[in-house]
């Protein structure tokens, strides 16, 4: 598993607006999971689907907050 807890955006996650988008390493850091587990959870429906723009994949902060609240 990659080290994600040192990402500065994790410290500021609560300040981000709901429509903001974050990359996979932030998702992994928020849920303390590996990238493979994140994708398994997306497939199972326990994590929200990401937004894909070209070759970039993002998660919407508001969707992640709802998933964290469950």
PDB file of N, CA and C in Angstrom:
ATOM      1  N   UNK A   1       0.854  -1.178   0.000  1.00  0.00           N
ATOM      2  CA  UNK A   1       0.000   0.000   0.000  1.00  0.00           C
ATOM      3  C   UNK A   1       0.897   1.236   0.000  1.00  0.00           C
ATOM      4  N   UNK A   2       0.484   2.238  -0.733  1.00  0.00           N
ATOM      5  CA  UNK A   2       1.256   3.474  -0.774  1.00  0.00           C
ATOM      6  C   UNK A   2       0.960   4.324   0.450  1.00  0.00           C
ATOM      7  N   UNK A   3       1.891   5.153   0.807  1.00  0.00           N
ATOM      8  CA  UNK A   3       1.714   6.044   1.948  1.00  0.00           C
ATOM      9  C   UNK A   3       0.821   7.205   1.544  1.00  0.00           C
ATOM     10  N   UNK A   4      -0.379   7.275   2.085  1.00  0.00           N
ATOM     11  CA  UNK A   4      -1.310   8.341   1.702  1.00  0.00           C
ATOM     12  C   UNK A   4      -1.613   9.295   2.847  1.00  0.00           C
ATOM     13  N   UNK A   5      -1.257   8.932   4.056  1.00  0.00           N
ATOM     14  CA  UNK A   5      -1.630   9.770   5.194  1.00  0.00           C
ATOM     15  C   UNK A   5      -0.860  11.077   5.230  1.00  0.00           C
ATOM     16  N   UNK A   6       0.216  11.200   4.451  1.00  0.00           N
ATOM     17  CA  UNK A   6       0.990  12.431   4.464  1.00  0.00           C
ATOM     18  C   UNK A   6       0.500  13.434   3.418  1.00  0.00           C
ATOM     19  N   UNK A   7      -0.583  13.128   2.731  1.00  0.00           N
ATOM     20  CA  UNK A   7      -1.110  14.048   1.725  1.00  0.00           C
ATOM     21  C   UNK A   7      -1.656  15.297   2.404  1.00  0.00           C
ATOM     22  N   UNK A   8      -1.186  16.472   2.011  1.00  0.00           N
ATOM     23  CA  UNK A   8      -1.674  17.712   2.635  1.00  0.00           C
ATOM     24  C   UNK A   8      -3.177  17.901   2.482  1.00  0.00           C
ATOM     25  N   UNK A   9      -3.750  17.422   1.394  1.00  0.00           N
ATOM     26  CA  UNK A   9      -5.181  17.620   1.173  1.00  0.00           C
ATOM     27  C   UNK A   9      -6.025  16.890   2.220  1.00  0.00           C
ATOM     28  N   UNK A  10      -5.487  15.839   2.819  1.00  0.00           N
ATOM     29  CA  UNK A  10      -6.246  15.141   3.864  1.00  0.00           C
ATOM     30  C   UNK A  10      -6.477  16.054   5.063  1.00  0.00           C
ATOM     31  N   UNK A  11      -5.505  16.854   5.396  1.00  0.00           N
ATOM     32  CA  UNK A  11      -5.645  17.773   6.528  1.00  0.00           C
ATOM     33  C   UNK A  11      -6.695  18.837   6.246  1.00  0.00           C
ATOM     34  N   UNK A  12      -6.865  19.184   4.972  1.00  0.00           N
ATOM     35  CA  UNK A  12      -7.799  20.234   4.585  1.00  0.00           C
ATOM     36  C   UNK A  12      -9.122  19.692   4.052  1.00  0.00           C
ATOM     37  N   UNK A  13      -9.338  18.390   4.122  1.00  0.00           N
ATOM     38  CA  UNK A  13     -10.520  17.780   3.524  1.00  0.00           C
ATOM     39  C   UNK A  13     -11.812  18.407   4.045  1.00  0.00           C
ATOM     40  N   UNK A  14     -11.881  18.679   5.337  1.00  0.00           N
ATOM     41  CA  UNK A  14     -13.101  19.255   5.912  1.00  0.00           C
ATOM     42  C   UNK A  14     -13.400  20.657   5.386  1.00  0.00           C
ATOM     43  N   UNK A  15     -12.390  21.349   4.872  1.00  0.00           N
ATOM     44  CA  UNK A  15     -12.584  22.703   4.355  1.00  0.00           C
ATOM     45  C   UNK A  15     -12.999  22.704   2.878  1.00  0.00           C
ATOM     46  N   UNK A  16     -12.875  21.581   2.197  1.00  0.00           N
ATOM     47  CA  UNK A  16     -13.212  21.530   0.771  1.00  0.00           C
ATOM     48  C   UNK A  16     -14.723  21.610   0.575  1.00  0.00           C
ATOM     49  N   UNK A  17     -15.176  22.315  -0.469  1.00  0.00           N
ATOM     50  CA  UNK A  17     -16.617  22.346  -0.752  1.00  0.00           C
ATOM     51  C   UNK A  17     -17.080  21.004  -1.306  1.00  0.00           C
ATOM     52  N   UNK A  18     -18.345  20.694  -1.135  1.00  0.00           N
ATOM     53  CA  UNK A  18     -18.883  19.414  -1.603  1.00  0.00           C
ATOM     54  C   UNK A  18     -18.634  19.139  -3.083  1.00  0.00           C
ATOM     55  N   UNK A  19     -18.692  20.141  -3.974  1.00  0.00           N
ATOM     56  CA  UNK A  19     -18.464  19.845  -5.393  1.00  0.00           C
ATOM     57  C   UNK A  19     -16.990  19.624  -5.769  1.00  0.00           C
ATOM     58  N   UNK A  20     -16.069  19.867  -4.832  1.00  0.00           N
ATOM     59  CA  UNK A  20     -14.645  19.681  -5.136  1.00  0.00           C
ATOM     60  C   UNK A  20     -14.381  18.223  -5.495  1.00  0.00           C
ATOM     61  N   UNK A  21     -13.305  18.013  -6.215  1.00  0.00           N
ATOM     62  CA  UNK A  21     -12.939  16.656  -6.634  1.00  0.00           C
ATOM     63  C   UNK A  21     -11.554  16.322  -6.114  1.00  0.00           C
ATOM     64  N   UNK A  22     -11.377  15.055  -5.722  1.00  0.00           N
ATOM     65  CA  UNK A  22     -10.092  14.596  -5.201  1.00  0.00           C
ATOM     66  C   UNK A  22      -9.693  13.302  -5.915  1.00  0.00           C
ATOM     67  N   UNK A  23      -8.381  13.025  -5.998  1.00  0.00           N
ATOM     68  CA  UNK A  23      -7.906  11.828  -6.680  1.00  0.00           C
ATOM     69  C   UNK A  23      -7.916  10.583  -5.777  1.00  0.00           C
ATOM     70  N   UNK A  24      -7.626   9.456  -6.373  1.00  0.00           N
ATOM     71  CA  UNK A  24      -7.644   8.167  -5.673  1.00  0.00           C
ATOM     72  C   UNK A  24      -6.776   8.133  -4.413  1.00  0.00           C
ATOM     73  N   UNK A  25      -5.566   8.681  -4.410  1.00  0.00           N
ATOM     74  CA  UNK A  25      -4.786   8.628  -3.164  1.00  0.00           C
ATOM     75  C   UNK A  25      -5.493   9.272  -1.967  1.00  0.00           C
ATOM     76  N   UNK A  26      -6.280  10.297  -2.212  1.00  0.00           N
ATOM     77  CA  UNK A  26      -7.030  10.941  -1.128  1.00  0.00           C
ATOM     78  C   UNK A  26      -8.126   9.998  -0.632  1.00  0.00           C
ATOM     79  N   UNK A  27      -8.821   9.334  -1.547  1.00  0.00           N
ATOM     80  CA  UNK A  27      -9.854   8.363  -1.172  1.00  0.00           C
ATOM     81  C   UNK A  27      -9.230   7.268  -0.304  1.00  0.00           C
ATOM     82  N   UNK A  28      -8.086   6.769  -0.727  1.00  0.00           N
ATOM     83  CA  UNK A  28      -7.403   5.718   0.031  1.00  0.00           C
ATOM     84  C   UNK A  28      -7.013   6.203   1.422  1.00  0.00           C
ATOM     85  N   UNK A  29      -6.545   7.428   1.511  1.00  0.00           N
ATOM     86  CA  UNK A  29      -6.180   7.988   2.807  1.00  0.00           C
ATOM     87  C   UNK A  29      -7.377   8.197   3.718  1.00  0.00           C
ATOM     88  N   UNK A  30      -8.480   8.654   3.164  1.00  0.00           N
ATOM     89  CA  UNK A  30      -9.689   8.894   3.961  1.00  0.00           C
ATOM     90  C   UNK A  30     -10.241   7.615   4.570  1.00  0.00           C
ATOM     91  N   UNK A  31     -10.200   6.545   3.787  1.00  0.00           N
ATOM     92  CA  UNK A  31     -10.785   5.282   4.232  1.00  0.00           C
ATOM     93  C   UNK A  31      -9.746   4.295   4.748  1.00  0.00           C
ATOM     94  N   UNK A  32      -8.484   4.691   4.729  1.00  0.00           N
ATOM     95  CA  UNK A  32      -7.371   3.827   5.154  1.00  0.00           C
ATOM     96  C   UNK A  32      -7.408   2.483   4.424  1.00  0.00           C
ATOM     97  N   UNK A  33      -7.455   2.566   3.107  1.00  0.00           N
ATOM     98  CA  UNK A  33      -7.518   1.369   2.269  1.00  0.00           C
ATOM     99  C   UNK A  33      -6.508   1.492   1.131  1.00  0.00           C
ATOM    100  N   UNK A  34      -6.222   0.359   0.505  1.00  0.00           N
ATOM    101  CA  UNK A  34      -5.346   0.351  -0.658  1.00  0.00           C
ATOM    102  C   UNK A  34      -6.135   0.758  -1.896  1.00  0.00           C
ATOM    103  N   UNK A  35      -5.421   1.020  -2.967  1.00  0.00           N
ATOM    104  CA  UNK A  35      -6.084   1.371  -4.212  1.00  0.00           C
ATOM    105  C   UNK A  35      -6.943   0.219  -4.724  1.00  0.00           C
ATOM    106  N   UNK A  36      -6.440  -1.003  -4.615  1.00  0.00           N
ATOM    107  CA  UNK A  36      -7.214  -2.165  -5.070  1.00  0.00           C
ATOM    108  C   UNK A  36      -8.513  -2.294  -4.277  1.00  0.00           C
ATOM    109  N   UNK A  37      -8.443  -2.068  -2.970  1.00  0.00           N
ATOM    110  CA  UNK A  37      -9.641  -2.144  -2.139  1.00  0.00           C
ATOM    111  C   UNK A  37     -10.617  -1.029  -2.501  1.00  0.00           C
ATOM    112  N   UNK A  38     -10.107   0.146  -2.811  1.00  0.00           N
ATOM    113  CA  UNK A  38     -10.987   1.244  -3.222  1.00  0.00           C
ATOM    114  C   UNK A  38     -11.779   0.846  -4.465  1.00  0.00           C
ATOM    115  N   UNK A  39     -11.103   0.281  -5.443  1.00  0.00           N
ATOM    116  CA  UNK A  39     -11.803  -0.125  -6.665  1.00  0.00           C
ATOM    117  C   UNK A  39     -12.790  -1.258  -6.406  1.00  0.00           C
ATOM    118  N   UNK A  40     -12.444  -2.185  -5.499  1.00  0.00           N
ATOM    119  CA  UNK A  40     -13.398  -3.250  -5.138  1.00  0.00           C
ATOM    120  C   UNK A  40     -14.636  -2.655  -4.486  1.00  0.00           C
ATOM    121  N   UNK A  41     -14.440  -1.659  -3.637  1.00  0.00           N
ATOM    122  CA  UNK A  41     -15.582  -1.028  -2.965  1.00  0.00           C
ATOM    123  C   UNK A  41     -16.437  -0.225  -3.937  1.00  0.00           C
ATOM    124  N   UNK A  42     -15.821   0.383  -4.936  1.00  0.00           N
ATOM    125  CA  UNK A  42     -16.601   1.069  -5.976  1.00  0.00           C
ATOM    126  C   UNK A  42     -17.456   0.035  -6.701  1.00  0.00           C
ATOM    127  N   UNK A  43     -16.852  -1.075  -7.042  1.00  0.00           N
ATOM    128  CA  UNK A  43     -17.576  -2.132  -7.766  1.00  0.00           C
ATOM    129  C   UNK A  43     -18.733  -2.686  -6.939  1.00  0.00           C
ATOM    130  N   UNK A  44     -18.530  -2.818  -5.629  1.00  0.00           N
ATOM    131  CA  UNK A  44     -19.582  -3.365  -4.763  1.00  0.00           C
ATOM    132  C   UNK A  44     -20.640  -2.325  -4.402  1.00  0.00           C
ATOM    133  N   UNK A  45     -20.341  -1.046  -4.643  1.00  0.00           N
ATOM    134  CA  UNK A  45     -21.294   0.013  -4.338  1.00  0.00           C
ATOM    135  C   UNK A  45     -21.108   0.658  -2.983  1.00  0.00           C
ATOM    136  N   UNK A  46     -20.109   0.227  -2.213  1.00  0.00           N
ATOM    137  CA  UNK A  46     -19.915   0.840  -0.899  1.00  0.00           C
ATOM    138  C   UNK A  46     -19.093   2.128  -0.963  1.00  0.00           C
ATOM    139  N   UNK A  47     -18.480   2.404  -2.091  1.00  0.00           N
ATOM    140  CA  UNK A  47     -17.852   3.697  -2.360  1.00  0.00           C
ATOM    141  C   UNK A  47     -18.516   4.274  -3.598  1.00  0.00           C
ATOM    142  N   UNK A  48     -18.649   5.597  -3.660  1.00  0.00           N
ATOM    143  CA  UNK A  48     -19.304   6.207  -4.826  1.00  0.00           C
ATOM    144  C   UNK A  48     -18.478   6.018  -6.093  1.00  0.00           C
ATOM    145  N   UNK A  49     -19.172   6.049  -7.208  1.00  0.00           N
ATOM    146  CA  UNK A  49     -18.513   5.997  -8.512  1.00  0.00           C
ATOM    147  C   UNK A  49     -17.706   7.278  -8.703  1.00  0.00           C
ATOM    148  N   UNK A  50     -16.530   7.160  -9.282  1.00  0.00           N
ATOM    149  CA  UNK A  50     -15.752   8.359  -9.576  1.00  0.00           C
ATOM    150  C   UNK A  50     -16.246   9.043 -10.845  1.00  0.00           C
ATOM    151  N   UNK A  51     -15.759  10.251 -11.046  1.00  0.00           N
ATOM    152  CA  UNK A  51     -16.014  11.020 -12.257  1.00  0.00           C
ATOM    153  C   UNK A  51     -14.765  10.881 -13.118  1.00  0.00           C
ATOM    154  N   UNK A  52     -14.958  10.531 -14.366  1.00  0.00           N
ATOM    155  CA  UNK A  52     -13.805  10.400 -15.262  1.00  0.00           C
ATOM    156  C   UNK A  52     -13.805  11.535 -16.277  1.00  0.00           C
ATOM    157  N   UNK A  53     -12.662  12.190 -16.379  1.00  0.00           N
ATOM    158  CA  UNK A  53     -12.463  13.259 -17.352  1.00  0.00           C
ATOM    159  C   UNK A  53     -11.227  12.898 -18.158  1.00  0.00           C
ATOM    160  N   UNK A  54     -11.439  12.424 -19.366  1.00  0.00           N
ATOM    161  CA  UNK A  54     -10.305  11.986 -20.169  1.00  0.00           C
ATOM    162  C   UNK A  54      -9.603  10.831 -19.480  1.00  0.00           C
ATOM    163  N   UNK A  55      -8.330  11.014 -19.189  1.00  0.00           N
ATOM    164  CA  UNK A  55      -7.559   9.958 -18.519  1.00  0.00           C
ATOM    165  C   UNK A  55      -7.452  10.178 -17.013  1.00  0.00           C
ATOM    166  N   UNK A  56      -8.190  11.133 -16.491  1.00  0.00           N
ATOM    167  CA  UNK A  56      -8.128  11.461 -15.062  1.00  0.00           C
ATOM    168  C   UNK A  56      -9.394  11.001 -14.359  1.00  0.00           C
ATOM    169  N   UNK A  57      -9.218  10.450 -13.168  1.00  0.00           N
ATOM    170  CA  UNK A  57     -10.346   9.974 -12.370  1.00  0.00           C
ATOM    171  C   UNK A  57     -10.380  10.751 -11.060  1.00  0.00           C
ATOM    172  N   UNK A  58     -11.559  11.250 -10.715  1.00  0.00           N
ATOM    173  CA  UNK A  58     -11.763  12.048  -9.511  1.00  0.00           C
ATOM    174  C   UNK A  58     -12.967  11.537  -8.739  1.00  0.00           C
ATOM    175  N   UNK A  59     -12.978  11.790  -7.433  1.00  0.00           N
ATOM    176  CA  UNK A  59     -14.158  11.531  -6.611  1.00  0.00           C
ATOM    177  C   UNK A  59     -14.683  12.862  -6.114  1.00  0.00           C
ATOM    178  N   UNK A  60     -15.988  12.996  -6.076  1.00  0.00           N
ATOM    179  CA  UNK A  60     -16.628  14.216  -5.602  1.00  0.00           C
ATOM    180  C   UNK A  60     -16.635  14.188  -4.071  1.00  0.00           C
ATOM    181  N   UNK A  61     -16.173  15.260  -3.469  1.00  0.00           N
ATOM    182  CA  UNK A  61     -16.027  15.341  -2.012  1.00  0.00           C
ATOM    183  C   UNK A  61     -17.352  15.088  -1.293  1.00  0.00           C
ATOM    184  N   UNK A  62     -18.439  15.669  -1.757  1.00  0.00           N
ATOM    185  CA  UNK A  62     -19.740  15.459  -1.113  1.00  0.00           C
ATOM    186  C   UNK A  62     -20.149  13.994  -1.109  1.00  0.00           C
ATOM    187  N   UNK A  63     -19.865  13.279  -2.206  1.00  0.00           N
ATOM    188  CA  UNK A  63     -20.167  11.851  -2.273  1.00  0.00           C
ATOM    189  C   UNK A  63     -19.328  11.078  -1.264  1.00  0.00           C
ATOM    190  N   UNK A  64     -18.066  11.449  -1.125  1.00  0.00           N
ATOM    191  CA  UNK A  64     -17.196  10.780  -0.154  1.00  0.00           C
ATOM    192  C   UNK A  64     -17.646  11.062   1.277  1.00  0.00           C
ATOM    193  N   UNK A  65     -18.084  12.279   1.539  1.00  0.00           N
ATOM    194  CA  UNK A  65     -18.580  12.596   2.893  1.00  0.00           C
ATOM    195  C   UNK A  65     -19.791  11.735   3.254  1.00  0.00           C
ATOM    196  N   UNK A  66     -20.687  11.540   2.300  1.00  0.00           N
ATOM    197  CA  UNK A  66     -21.855  10.689   2.555  1.00  0.00           C
ATOM    198  C   UNK A  66     -21.424   9.242   2.812  1.00  0.00           C
ATOM    199  N   UNK A  67     -20.433   8.766   2.070  1.00  0.00           N
ATOM    200  CA  UNK A  67     -19.936   7.402   2.267  1.00  0.00           C
ATOM    201  C   UNK A  67     -19.259   7.267   3.632  1.00  0.00           C
ATOM    202  N   UNK A  68     -18.540   8.288   4.050  1.00  0.00           N
ATOM    203  CA  UNK A  68     -17.903   8.253   5.371  1.00  0.00           C
ATOM    204  C   UNK A  68     -18.921   8.268   6.500  1.00  0.00           C
ATOM    205  N   UNK A  69     -20.057   8.895   6.276  1.00  0.00           N
ATOM    206  CA  UNK A  69     -21.080   9.017   7.314  1.00  0.00           C
ATOM    207  C   UNK A  69     -21.857   7.717   7.531  1.00  0.00           C
ATOM    208  N   UNK A  70     -21.782   6.806   6.604  1.00  0.00           N
ATOM    209  CA  UNK A  70     -22.531   5.544   6.714  1.00  0.00           C
ATOM    210  C   UNK A  70     -21.980   4.657   7.796  1.00  0.00           C
TER     211      UNK A  70
END
